[in-house]
Amino acid sequence: MVARVNTVAFQGVDVQNVDVQVQISNGMPAFTIVGLPDKAVAESKERVRAALHALGIALPPKRLTVNLAPADVAKEGSHYDLPIALGLLAAMEILPKEELARCVVLGELSLDAAIRPVAGVLPAAMHAAGNDNGLICPAACGGEAAWAGDLDILAPRDLLQLINHMKGTQVLGRPEAALASDESSPVRVPDLADVRGQETAKRALEIAAAGGHNMLMSGPPGSGKSMLASCLPGILPPLSPAEALEVSMIHSLAGTLPEGGLMKTRPFRDPHHSASLPALIGGGQKAKPGEISLAHRGVLFLDELPEFARGTLEALRQPLESGRALVARVNQHVTYPARFQLIAAMNPCRCGNLGDPDLECTRAPRCAVDYQAKLSGPLLDRIDLRVEVPAVSIADITGPQDGESSQTVRARVMRAQQVQQARMGAGAGDLPVLNAFLPADDLEKIVVLQSDSSELLKSAAEKLKLSARAYYRLLRVARTIADLAGAETVGKDHVAEALSYRPLKMN
């Protein structure tokens, strides 16, 4: 007897058909899984055998061969448990073969036949909907699968519930689409009003939020750089439906989607400076998405920027331009989305007290030159806003708290982004096209310079010896400043403010 069930193999965000073919033949009792399985897949036979035994189902005393076809696609993960079990039940004529063959199936089995959640259910559901297939997934993942559209979804809690449904003794309803709860995000976003002083940095943060620009803050320890960065999610607009689906697919694949529901808030990732290149860019043995992909449509905050390995930082250059992370391995090439906003912070030198004669080390200013030399020119060229964050005075700390709240700044940011959306002809539900990501070909049509601002920009570009990339990034920042001011054209004051965020030297 032979039975076939569709399952999935994840190669990046692409989903590939894999058939589980079960054959029961005469011979010595044995249970064999073939087709390039890894350890987790090879151990499936023990979990499947125990789960069926828990239901009182005895496997036939014959040789059982489970073939995961195509054989040249590497199989990994525990989500093959449920397809293998259903293939066996179909081959034993306990479940209908025809109905199972039209379903994409994934799920991990416990030894007591409970179906445990697995990663990648949302992209698997999108794949099933695109191929007019049904989906069978764990109950904990049904809320995310329901966002894939109009497809038949079965989300049982255990194997017995699924068997009863297919035999007609129990009815499983279609799961409802779920959103991640607010409690699922343990990070508290501080209010911008809590930041004392630092008006220049606050203004730069507003511009960065409005246009999606990259930003680097430099200042002594304790000046508020990390707090400013953590305030950024509070002034960004919420995810649009298209963005939420895109972001949730990546987090579903990585297994970090909270509570099986669609994400509502923009990602904020802040990896430690000891993070390796595969952890930041993506890769490893299973070519998983890295921090830059998990920060897609959100913020990637790199604190103590020069403390990161030089090779790791240099690997950011291509994703910052293309919005994609390419993980190249001998046996596979995976491309993940990585349209993130880079916010970085650093001390001016290793001791952090450059410029303070009472606190700076004896190697100043040489220590600052060596410390900042870890950041290459091409990487700094991709950072639109560079801001000095000086030490906060006691008067600012003890004075009245009269700064603008995040809600007030967020309203201005949303108005500026709505202007950018309308300018590009994008609807409310479409993916945003912010100024930071405008193609160079569109800049001449979108960035309309006044005569005096054009002269200022040309003379500044010659004096600062700006590269073509830096020149275009300067135009984008000026356009964002004009959008925040509600101006149709880019004036001299907008260009001058944009130039102030691109100093000739770091210090």
Protein backbone atom coordinates (compact mmCIF):
# COMPACT_ATOMS: atom_id res chain seq x y z
CA MET A 1 0.00 0.00 0.00
CA VAL A 2 1.27 3.50 -0.87
CA ALA A 3 -0.04 6.87 0.36
CA ARG A 4 1.14 10.42 -0.33
CA VAL A 5 0.84 13.63 1.69
CA ASN A 6 2.11 17.11 0.75
CA THR A 7 4.45 18.81 3.18
CA VAL A 8 6.83 21.73 2.80
CA ALA A 9 10.57 22.39 2.89
CA PHE A 10 11.69 25.88 3.77
CA GLN A 11 14.46 27.46 1.74
CA GLY A 12 14.42 31.07 2.84
CA VAL A 13 10.97 32.55 2.39
CA ASP A 14 10.33 30.28 -0.56
CA VAL A 15 8.22 27.20 0.09
CA GLN A 16 8.82 24.05 -1.87
CA ASN A 17 6.60 21.01 -2.32
CA VAL A 18 7.82 17.83 -0.67
CA ASP A 19 5.88 14.58 -0.86
CA VAL A 20 5.80 12.10 2.00
CA GLN A 21 5.38 8.70 0.35
CA VAL A 22 4.67 5.77 2.66
CA GLN A 23 4.98 2.20 1.49
CA ILE A 24 3.99 -0.87 3.50
CA SER A 25 5.34 -4.15 2.18
CA ASN A 26 6.05 -7.67 3.37
CA GLY A 27 9.26 -8.36 5.21
CA MET A 28 10.88 -7.94 8.57
CA PRO A 29 9.35 -5.27 10.88
CA ALA A 30 11.23 -2.00 10.36
CA PHE A 31 10.58 1.75 10.11
CA THR A 32 12.84 3.59 7.67
CA ILE A 33 12.91 7.23 6.58
CA VAL A 34 14.84 8.04 3.40
CA GLY A 35 15.44 11.24 1.40
CA LEU A 36 18.29 13.29 2.94
CA PRO A 37 16.84 13.64 6.45
CA ASP A 38 18.64 15.44 9.26
CA LYS A 39 18.69 14.24 12.86
CA ALA A 40 15.35 15.84 13.74
CA VAL A 41 13.67 14.19 10.74
CA ALA A 42 15.31 10.82 11.42
CA GLU A 43 13.98 10.94 14.98
CA SER A 44 10.46 11.48 13.64
CA LYS A 45 9.89 7.75 13.44
CA GLU A 46 10.16 7.44 17.24
CA ARG A 47 7.82 10.34 17.89
CA VAL A 48 5.33 9.08 15.29
CA ARG A 49 5.46 5.52 16.66
CA ALA A 50 4.89 6.78 20.23
CA ALA A 51 2.05 9.12 19.17
CA LEU A 52 0.20 6.35 17.33
CA HIS A 53 0.75 3.99 20.25
CA ALA A 54 -0.78 6.60 22.59
CA LEU A 55 -3.94 6.47 20.45
CA GLY A 56 -4.02 2.68 20.55
CA ILE A 57 -3.01 2.32 16.89
CA ALA A 58 -0.53 -0.44 16.24
CA LEU A 59 1.69 -0.28 13.19
CA PRO A 60 1.50 -3.35 10.95
CA PRO A 61 4.23 -5.98 11.50
CA LYS A 62 5.74 -5.23 8.11
CA ARG A 63 8.51 -3.12 6.66
CA LEU A 64 7.53 0.57 6.52
CA THR A 65 9.41 2.90 4.18
CA VAL A 66 8.80 6.65 4.32
CA ASN A 67 10.31 8.45 1.34
CA LEU A 68 10.64 12.24 1.50
CA ALA A 69 10.63 13.18 -2.17
CA PRO A 70 12.35 14.81 -3.98
CA ALA A 71 15.35 13.08 -2.46
CA ASP A 72 17.86 15.80 -3.45
CA VAL A 73 16.21 18.48 -1.28
CA ALA A 74 17.68 18.57 2.22
CA LYS A 75 15.03 17.91 4.89
CA GLU A 76 15.32 19.49 8.32
CA GLY A 77 13.12 20.23 11.30
CA SER A 78 10.37 18.53 13.26
CA HIS A 79 7.48 19.77 11.09
CA TYR A 80 7.61 16.49 9.11
CA ASP A 81 6.16 14.51 12.06
CA LEU A 82 2.51 15.16 11.26
CA PRO A 83 2.80 14.50 7.48
CA ILE A 84 4.59 11.21 8.17
CA ALA A 85 1.93 10.14 10.67
CA LEU A 86 -0.91 11.05 8.29
CA GLY A 87 0.83 9.24 5.46
CA LEU A 88 1.00 6.10 7.59
CA LEU A 89 -2.65 6.40 8.60
CA ALA A 90 -3.62 6.83 4.95
CA ALA A 91 -1.54 3.81 3.90
CA MET A 92 -3.25 1.80 6.65
CA GLU A 93 -6.62 2.99 5.22
CA ILE A 94 -7.58 4.72 8.47
CA LEU A 95 -7.77 8.11 6.75
CA PRO A 96 -8.82 8.94 3.14
CA LYS A 97 -5.85 9.21 0.78
CA GLU A 98 -7.52 11.55 -1.72
CA GLU A 99 -8.40 14.18 0.86
CA LEU A 100 -4.93 14.23 2.40
CA ALA A 101 -3.21 14.47 -0.99
CA ARG A 102 -4.83 17.89 -1.51
CA CYS A 103 -3.47 19.31 1.76
CA VAL A 104 -0.20 20.91 2.81
CA VAL A 105 0.64 19.47 6.22
CA LEU A 106 3.15 20.47 8.89
CA GLY A 107 3.40 19.99 12.64
CA GLU A 108 5.45 18.36 15.37
CA LEU A 109 4.09 15.42 17.33
CA SER A 110 4.50 14.90 21.05
CA LEU A 111 4.78 11.41 22.45
CA ASP A 112 1.16 11.69 23.67
CA ALA A 113 -0.09 12.58 20.14
CA ALA A 114 -0.44 16.31 20.84
CA ILE A 115 0.45 18.53 17.86
CA ARG A 116 3.06 21.12 18.79
CA PRO A 117 3.64 24.45 17.01
CA VAL A 118 6.36 24.77 14.37
CA ALA A 119 8.00 27.63 12.52
CA GLY A 120 6.98 28.77 9.05
CA VAL A 121 3.23 28.16 9.13
CA LEU A 122 2.34 31.55 7.60
CA PRO A 123 4.52 31.17 4.45
CA ALA A 124 3.32 27.57 4.16
CA ALA A 125 -0.28 28.81 4.28
CA MET A 126 0.49 31.41 1.59
CA HIS A 127 1.98 28.65 -0.55
CA ALA A 128 -1.08 26.44 -0.02
CA ALA A 129 -3.46 29.27 -0.92
CA GLY A 130 -1.51 29.99 -4.09
CA ASN A 131 -1.77 26.36 -5.20
CA ASP A 132 -5.46 25.83 -4.25
CA ASN A 133 -4.52 23.39 -1.49
CA GLY A 134 -5.82 23.05 2.03
CA LEU A 135 -3.65 23.33 5.14
CA ILE A 136 -3.32 21.16 8.24
CA CYS A 137 -1.28 22.81 11.00
CA PRO A 138 -1.06 22.90 14.82
CA ALA A 139 -3.83 24.68 16.72
CA ALA A 140 -1.36 27.18 18.17
CA CYS A 141 -0.46 28.29 14.62
CA GLY A 142 -3.99 28.50 13.21
CA GLY A 143 -4.29 32.20 14.02
CA GLU A 144 -1.39 33.13 11.75
CA ALA A 145 -2.38 30.69 8.99
CA ALA A 146 -5.82 32.30 8.72
CA TRP A 147 -4.21 35.50 7.34
CA ALA A 148 -3.19 33.67 4.16
CA GLY A 149 -6.61 34.19 2.61
CA ASP A 150 -9.45 31.97 1.48
CA LEU A 151 -8.26 28.39 2.02
CA ASP A 152 -9.43 25.40 4.03
CA ILE A 153 -7.52 25.22 7.31
CA LEU A 154 -7.60 22.45 9.91
CA ALA A 155 -5.81 23.30 13.14
CA PRO A 156 -6.26 20.38 15.57
CA ARG A 157 -4.82 20.24 19.07
CA ASP A 158 -3.89 16.58 18.76
CA LEU A 159 -3.88 13.72 16.30
CA LEU A 160 -7.07 12.16 17.70
CA GLN A 161 -9.02 15.35 17.06
CA LEU A 162 -7.87 15.36 13.43
CA ILE A 163 -8.78 11.67 12.93
CA ASN A 164 -12.24 12.23 14.40
CA HIS A 165 -12.81 15.21 12.10
CA MET A 166 -11.86 13.26 8.99
CA LYS A 167 -14.08 10.37 10.06
CA GLY A 168 -17.03 12.71 10.62
CA THR A 169 -17.42 12.21 14.39
CA GLN A 170 -16.15 15.69 15.23
CA VAL A 171 -16.12 19.01 13.40
CA LEU A 172 -13.16 21.36 13.48
CA GLY A 173 -13.97 24.99 12.72
CA ARG A 174 -11.73 27.26 10.70
CA PRO A 175 -9.39 29.19 13.03
CA GLU A 176 -9.84 32.94 13.29
CA ALA A 177 -7.11 35.34 12.23
CA ALA A 178 -5.18 36.48 15.30
CA LEU A 179 -3.03 39.50 16.15
CA ALA A 180 -0.12 39.38 18.53
CA SER A 181 -1.10 40.75 21.93
CA ASP A 182 0.53 43.87 23.34
CA GLU A 183 1.91 41.80 26.23
CA SER A 184 3.91 39.67 23.77
CA SER A 185 6.45 42.52 23.37
CA PRO A 186 8.48 42.72 26.59
CA VAL A 187 10.27 45.92 25.50
CA ARG A 188 8.80 49.11 26.91
CA VAL A 189 9.08 52.04 24.51
CA PRO A 190 10.02 55.20 26.44
CA ASP A 191 8.40 58.51 25.66
CA LEU A 192 10.44 61.16 23.89
CA ALA A 193 9.36 63.65 26.57
CA ASP A 194 11.39 61.68 29.11
CA VAL A 195 14.63 62.58 27.30
CA ARG A 196 16.14 65.65 28.96
CA GLY A 197 17.91 68.13 26.71
CA GLN A 198 19.37 66.85 23.40
CA GLU A 199 17.07 68.96 21.22
CA THR A 200 19.33 68.56 18.19
CA ALA A 201 19.34 64.77 18.51
CA LYS A 202 15.56 64.73 18.96
CA ARG A 203 15.13 66.76 15.79
CA ALA A 204 17.43 64.39 13.88
CA LEU A 205 15.48 61.42 15.23
CA GLU A 206 12.24 62.94 13.93
CA ILE A 207 13.77 63.44 10.49
CA ALA A 208 15.09 59.87 10.50
CA ALA A 209 11.64 58.52 11.40
CA ALA A 210 9.85 60.62 8.77
CA GLY A 211 12.07 59.58 5.87
CA GLY A 212 13.40 56.18 6.98
CA HIS A 213 16.96 57.52 7.11
CA ASN A 214 19.95 55.86 8.77
CA MET A 215 21.39 57.69 11.75
CA LEU A 216 24.59 57.63 13.82
CA MET A 217 24.83 59.24 17.26
CA SER A 218 28.20 59.97 18.83
CA GLY A 219 28.73 61.17 22.37
CA PRO A 220 30.11 60.36 25.82
CA PRO A 221 28.67 57.59 28.00
CA GLY A 222 25.40 58.46 29.70
CA SER A 223 24.41 61.21 27.27
CA GLY A 224 21.19 59.43 26.28
CA LYS A 225 22.06 57.80 22.94
CA SER A 226 20.51 54.42 23.76
CA MET A 227 17.40 56.04 25.21
CA LEU A 228 16.95 58.17 22.11
CA ALA A 229 17.18 55.08 19.91
CA SER A 230 14.66 53.20 22.04
CA CYS A 231 12.23 56.13 21.61
CA LEU A 232 12.21 55.70 17.82
CA PRO A 233 9.54 52.92 17.65
CA GLY A 234 7.20 55.22 19.58
CA ILE A 235 7.25 57.88 16.85
CA LEU A 236 7.02 55.51 13.87
CA PRO A 237 3.64 54.82 12.21
CA PRO A 238 2.06 51.39 12.81
CA LEU A 239 2.58 48.62 10.30
CA SER A 240 0.24 48.71 7.33
CA PRO A 241 -1.60 45.43 6.53
CA ALA A 242 0.83 44.65 3.70
CA GLU A 243 3.83 45.39 5.92
CA ALA A 244 2.43 43.34 8.80
CA LEU A 245 1.99 40.31 6.56
CA GLU A 246 5.49 40.69 5.11
CA VAL A 247 7.14 41.12 8.52
CA SER A 248 5.14 38.30 10.10
CA MET A 249 6.18 35.86 7.37
CA ILE A 250 9.85 36.43 8.21
CA HIS A 251 9.28 36.05 11.94
CA SER A 252 7.13 32.98 11.35
CA LEU A 253 9.97 31.41 9.41
CA ALA A 254 12.44 32.26 12.18
CA GLY A 255 10.11 30.97 14.88
CA THR A 256 9.88 34.37 16.61
CA LEU A 257 6.30 35.27 15.72
CA PRO A 258 4.64 36.09 19.07
CA GLU A 259 1.69 33.97 20.14
CA GLY A 260 0.94 32.71 16.67
CA GLY A 261 -0.61 35.98 15.51
CA LEU A 262 0.20 38.69 13.01
CA MET A 263 2.62 41.35 14.29
CA LYS A 264 1.21 44.82 14.96
CA THR A 265 4.29 46.80 15.95
CA ARG A 266 7.45 47.49 14.00
CA PRO A 267 10.41 45.30 14.92
CA PHE A 268 13.15 46.80 17.07
CA ARG A 269 16.28 44.64 17.12
CA ASP A 270 19.31 45.53 19.23
CA PRO A 271 21.92 42.75 18.98
CA HIS A 272 24.97 42.78 21.24
CA HIS A 273 28.24 43.90 19.69
CA SER A 274 29.59 40.36 20.05
CA ALA A 275 27.07 39.14 17.43
CA SER A 276 28.67 37.12 14.64
CA LEU A 277 28.27 37.82 10.94
CA PRO A 278 25.73 34.96 10.40
CA ALA A 279 23.74 36.18 13.41
CA LEU A 280 23.55 39.69 12.01
CA ILE A 281 23.24 39.05 8.26
CA GLY A 282 21.79 35.54 8.29
CA GLY A 283 23.20 32.09 7.65
CA GLY A 284 24.44 29.27 9.81
CA GLN A 285 23.95 25.62 9.05
CA LYS A 286 20.27 26.10 8.17
CA ALA A 287 20.64 29.53 6.50
CA LYS A 288 18.24 31.23 8.90
CA PRO A 289 17.34 34.93 8.69
CA GLY A 290 19.61 37.25 10.65
CA GLU A 291 18.98 40.37 12.70
CA ILE A 292 18.77 42.63 9.65
CA SER A 293 15.93 40.53 8.23
CA LEU A 294 14.18 40.30 11.61
CA ALA A 295 14.37 44.13 11.63
CA HIS A 296 12.68 44.32 8.20
CA ARG A 297 10.30 47.33 8.05
CA GLY A 298 11.58 48.27 11.50
CA VAL A 299 14.68 49.44 13.34
CA LEU A 300 18.10 47.83 13.76
CA PHE A 301 19.92 49.48 16.66
CA LEU A 302 23.66 48.85 16.91
CA ASP A 303 25.03 50.21 20.16
CA GLU A 304 28.80 50.64 20.57
CA LEU A 305 29.16 50.46 16.79
CA PRO A 306 32.99 50.29 16.59
CA GLU A 307 32.98 47.31 18.98
CA PHE A 308 31.38 45.13 16.30
CA ALA A 309 33.77 43.06 14.21
CA ARG A 310 34.93 44.97 11.15
CA GLY A 311 33.88 42.22 8.75
CA THR A 312 30.41 42.12 10.31
CA LEU A 313 29.93 45.86 9.82
CA GLU A 314 31.21 45.76 6.25
CA ALA A 315 28.64 43.07 5.46
CA LEU A 316 25.93 45.67 6.15
CA ARG A 317 26.88 47.76 3.13
CA GLN A 318 25.05 45.75 0.46
CA PRO A 319 21.80 45.21 2.45
CA LEU A 320 21.66 48.93 3.28
CA GLU A 321 21.59 49.68 -0.45
CA SER A 322 19.52 46.80 -1.82
CA GLY A 323 17.15 46.05 1.06
CA ARG A 324 17.95 42.34 0.70
CA ALA A 325 20.21 39.89 2.54
CA LEU A 326 21.76 37.22 0.35
CA VAL A 327 22.97 34.15 2.23
CA ALA A 328 25.20 32.15 -0.11
CA ARG A 329 26.14 28.59 0.79
CA VAL A 330 27.56 25.71 -1.23
CA ASN A 331 24.25 23.85 -1.36
CA GLN A 332 21.81 26.76 -1.38
CA HIS A 333 21.40 30.49 -1.98
CA VAL A 334 18.74 32.20 0.12
CA THR A 335 17.54 35.79 -0.20
CA TYR A 336 15.71 37.42 2.71
CA PRO A 337 14.07 40.87 2.77
CA ALA A 338 16.10 43.37 4.81
CA ARG A 339 14.61 46.85 4.35
CA PHE A 340 15.54 48.11 7.81
CA GLN A 341 16.40 51.48 9.33
CA LEU A 342 19.87 51.54 10.88
CA ILE A 343 20.28 53.54 14.08
CA ALA A 344 23.77 53.35 15.57
CA ALA A 345 25.48 54.82 18.60
CA MET A 346 29.11 55.13 19.60
CA ASN A 347 31.46 56.85 21.99
CA PRO A 348 33.94 59.31 20.46
CA CYS A 349 36.81 57.11 21.69
CA ARG A 350 37.31 53.96 23.73
CA CYS A 351 37.23 55.74 27.07
CA GLY A 352 34.37 57.91 25.86
CA ASN A 353 35.62 61.15 27.41
CA LEU A 354 37.32 62.81 24.46
CA GLY A 355 37.33 66.59 24.86
CA ASP A 356 37.09 66.54 28.66
CA PRO A 357 40.60 67.32 29.98
CA ASP A 358 39.70 66.01 33.45
CA LEU A 359 38.45 62.62 32.26
CA GLU A 360 40.01 61.79 28.91
CA CYS A 361 42.76 59.20 28.73
CA THR A 362 46.44 59.95 28.18
CA ARG A 363 46.28 58.74 24.57
CA ALA A 364 43.89 61.47 23.44
CA PRO A 365 43.37 62.44 20.66
CA ARG A 366 45.14 59.45 19.14
CA CYS A 367 42.74 57.01 20.82
CA ALA A 368 39.81 58.68 19.03
CA VAL A 369 41.51 58.36 15.65
CA ASP A 370 42.20 54.65 16.20
CA TYR A 371 38.72 53.99 17.57
CA GLN A 372 36.84 55.74 14.78
CA ALA A 373 39.07 54.16 12.13
CA LYS A 374 37.17 50.93 12.69
CA LEU A 375 34.31 52.47 10.69
CA SER A 376 35.09 52.52 6.99
CA GLY A 377 34.29 55.42 4.69
CA PRO A 378 31.89 53.41 2.49
CA LEU A 379 29.86 52.42 5.57
CA LEU A 380 29.69 55.99 6.88
CA ASP A 381 28.72 57.13 3.39
CA ARG A 382 25.49 55.12 3.77
CA ILE A 383 24.52 56.88 7.00
CA ASP A 384 22.38 59.94 6.28
CA LEU A 385 22.41 61.67 9.67
CA ARG A 386 25.41 61.97 11.98
CA VAL A 387 24.64 63.70 15.25
CA GLU A 388 26.77 64.77 18.19
CA VAL A 389 25.07 63.93 21.49
CA PRO A 390 26.87 65.94 24.22
CA ALA A 391 26.78 65.17 27.91
CA VAL A 392 23.59 66.27 29.63
CA SER A 393 23.99 69.13 32.08
CA ILE A 394 22.66 69.02 35.63
CA ALA A 395 20.36 71.92 34.75
CA ASP A 396 18.70 69.80 32.06
CA ILE A 397 18.30 66.85 34.43
CA THR A 398 16.83 68.83 37.32
CA GLY A 399 14.90 71.34 35.22
CA PRO A 400 11.22 71.13 34.25
CA GLN A 401 10.14 68.38 31.86
CA ASP A 402 8.69 70.37 28.98
CA GLY A 403 9.75 68.38 25.90
CA GLU A 404 7.35 67.19 23.21
CA SER A 405 5.79 63.77 23.70
CA SER A 406 6.23 60.88 21.30
CA GLN A 407 2.56 61.17 20.35
CA THR A 408 3.02 64.77 19.18
CA VAL A 409 6.13 63.97 17.15
CA ARG A 410 4.51 60.84 15.75
CA ALA A 411 1.65 62.90 14.32
CA ARG A 412 4.12 65.03 12.35
CA VAL A 413 6.00 61.93 11.18
CA MET A 414 2.79 60.31 9.95
CA ARG A 415 1.76 63.46 8.04
CA ALA A 416 5.17 63.61 6.35
CA GLN A 417 4.99 59.93 5.38
CA GLN A 418 1.48 60.38 4.01
CA VAL A 419 2.83 63.15 1.77
CA GLN A 420 5.54 60.79 0.53
CA GLN A 421 2.99 58.04 -0.13
CA ALA A 422 0.73 60.37 -2.08
CA ARG A 423 3.67 61.71 -4.09
CA MET A 424 4.60 58.17 -5.19
CA GLY A 425 0.97 57.23 -5.92
CA ALA A 426 0.85 54.55 -3.21
CA GLY A 427 -2.37 53.71 -1.43
CA ALA A 428 -2.95 53.43 2.29
CA GLY A 429 -2.55 49.65 2.26
CA ASP A 430 0.47 49.53 -0.06
CA LEU A 431 4.06 49.10 1.01
CA PRO A 432 5.55 52.52 1.83
CA VAL A 433 8.08 54.23 -0.42
CA LEU A 434 9.96 56.59 1.89
CA ASN A 435 12.44 59.23 0.83
CA ALA A 436 15.43 57.22 2.03
CA PHE A 437 14.65 54.48 -0.48
CA LEU A 438 13.81 56.63 -3.49
CA PRO A 439 15.60 55.55 -6.67
CA ALA A 440 18.13 58.08 -7.97
CA ASP A 441 16.16 58.37 -11.23
CA ASP A 442 13.13 59.76 -9.37
CA LEU A 443 15.02 62.33 -7.31
CA GLU A 444 15.12 65.01 -10.01
CA LYS A 445 11.33 64.86 -10.37
CA ILE A 446 10.61 64.67 -6.63
CA VAL A 447 13.27 66.96 -5.16
CA VAL A 448 12.52 70.34 -6.70
CA LEU A 449 15.23 72.76 -5.55
CA GLN A 450 14.85 76.51 -5.33
CA SER A 451 17.59 78.52 -7.06
CA ASP A 452 19.41 79.58 -3.88
CA SER A 453 19.20 76.09 -2.38
CA SER A 454 20.64 74.60 -5.58
CA GLU A 455 23.66 76.91 -5.39
CA LEU A 456 24.20 76.09 -1.71
CA LEU A 457 24.05 72.39 -2.42
CA LYS A 458 26.54 72.56 -5.28
CA SER A 459 29.08 74.62 -3.34
CA ALA A 460 28.75 72.37 -0.28
CA ALA A 461 29.19 69.22 -2.39
CA GLU A 462 32.41 70.60 -3.81
CA LYS A 463 33.75 71.79 -0.47
CA LEU A 464 32.91 68.58 1.39
CA LYS A 465 33.94 66.47 -1.63
CA LEU A 466 30.76 64.43 -1.43
CA SER A 467 30.49 61.22 -3.37
CA ALA A 468 27.56 60.66 -5.70
CA ARG A 469 25.93 58.45 -3.07
CA ALA A 470 26.38 61.07 -0.35
CA TYR A 471 25.01 63.78 -2.67
CA TYR A 472 21.83 61.84 -3.38
CA ARG A 473 21.39 60.93 0.27
CA LEU A 474 21.71 64.61 1.13
CA LEU A 475 18.93 65.38 -1.35
CA ARG A 476 16.71 62.75 0.27
CA VAL A 477 17.25 64.20 3.74
CA ALA A 478 16.49 67.71 2.50
CA ARG A 479 13.29 66.44 0.88
CA THR A 480 12.23 64.87 4.20
CA ILE A 481 12.90 68.12 6.08
CA ALA A 482 10.75 69.96 3.53
CA ASP A 483 8.00 67.36 3.95
CA LEU A 484 8.00 67.88 7.71
CA ALA A 485 7.69 71.62 7.09
CA GLY A 486 4.85 71.11 4.58
CA ALA A 487 6.84 72.72 1.74
CA GLU A 488 6.37 71.65 -1.88
CA THR A 489 9.88 72.70 -2.90
CA VAL A 490 13.20 72.27 -1.12
CA GLY A 491 14.45 75.61 0.16
CA LYS A 492 17.82 76.89 1.28
CA ASP A 493 17.07 76.34 4.96
CA HIS A 494 16.12 72.71 4.28
CA VAL A 495 19.39 72.06 2.49
CA ALA A 496 21.37 73.86 5.20
CA GLU A 497 19.83 71.71 7.93
CA ALA A 498 20.52 68.55 5.94
CA LEU A 499 24.17 69.63 5.55
CA SER A 500 24.47 70.12 9.31
CA TYR A 501 23.86 66.42 9.82
CA ARG A 502 26.75 65.42 7.55
CA PRO A 503 29.92 66.82 9.17
CA LEU A 504 33.25 66.77 7.41
CA LYS A 505 34.74 64.74 10.26
CA MET A 506 33.29 62.62 13.03
CA ASN A 507 34.65 65.02 15.69
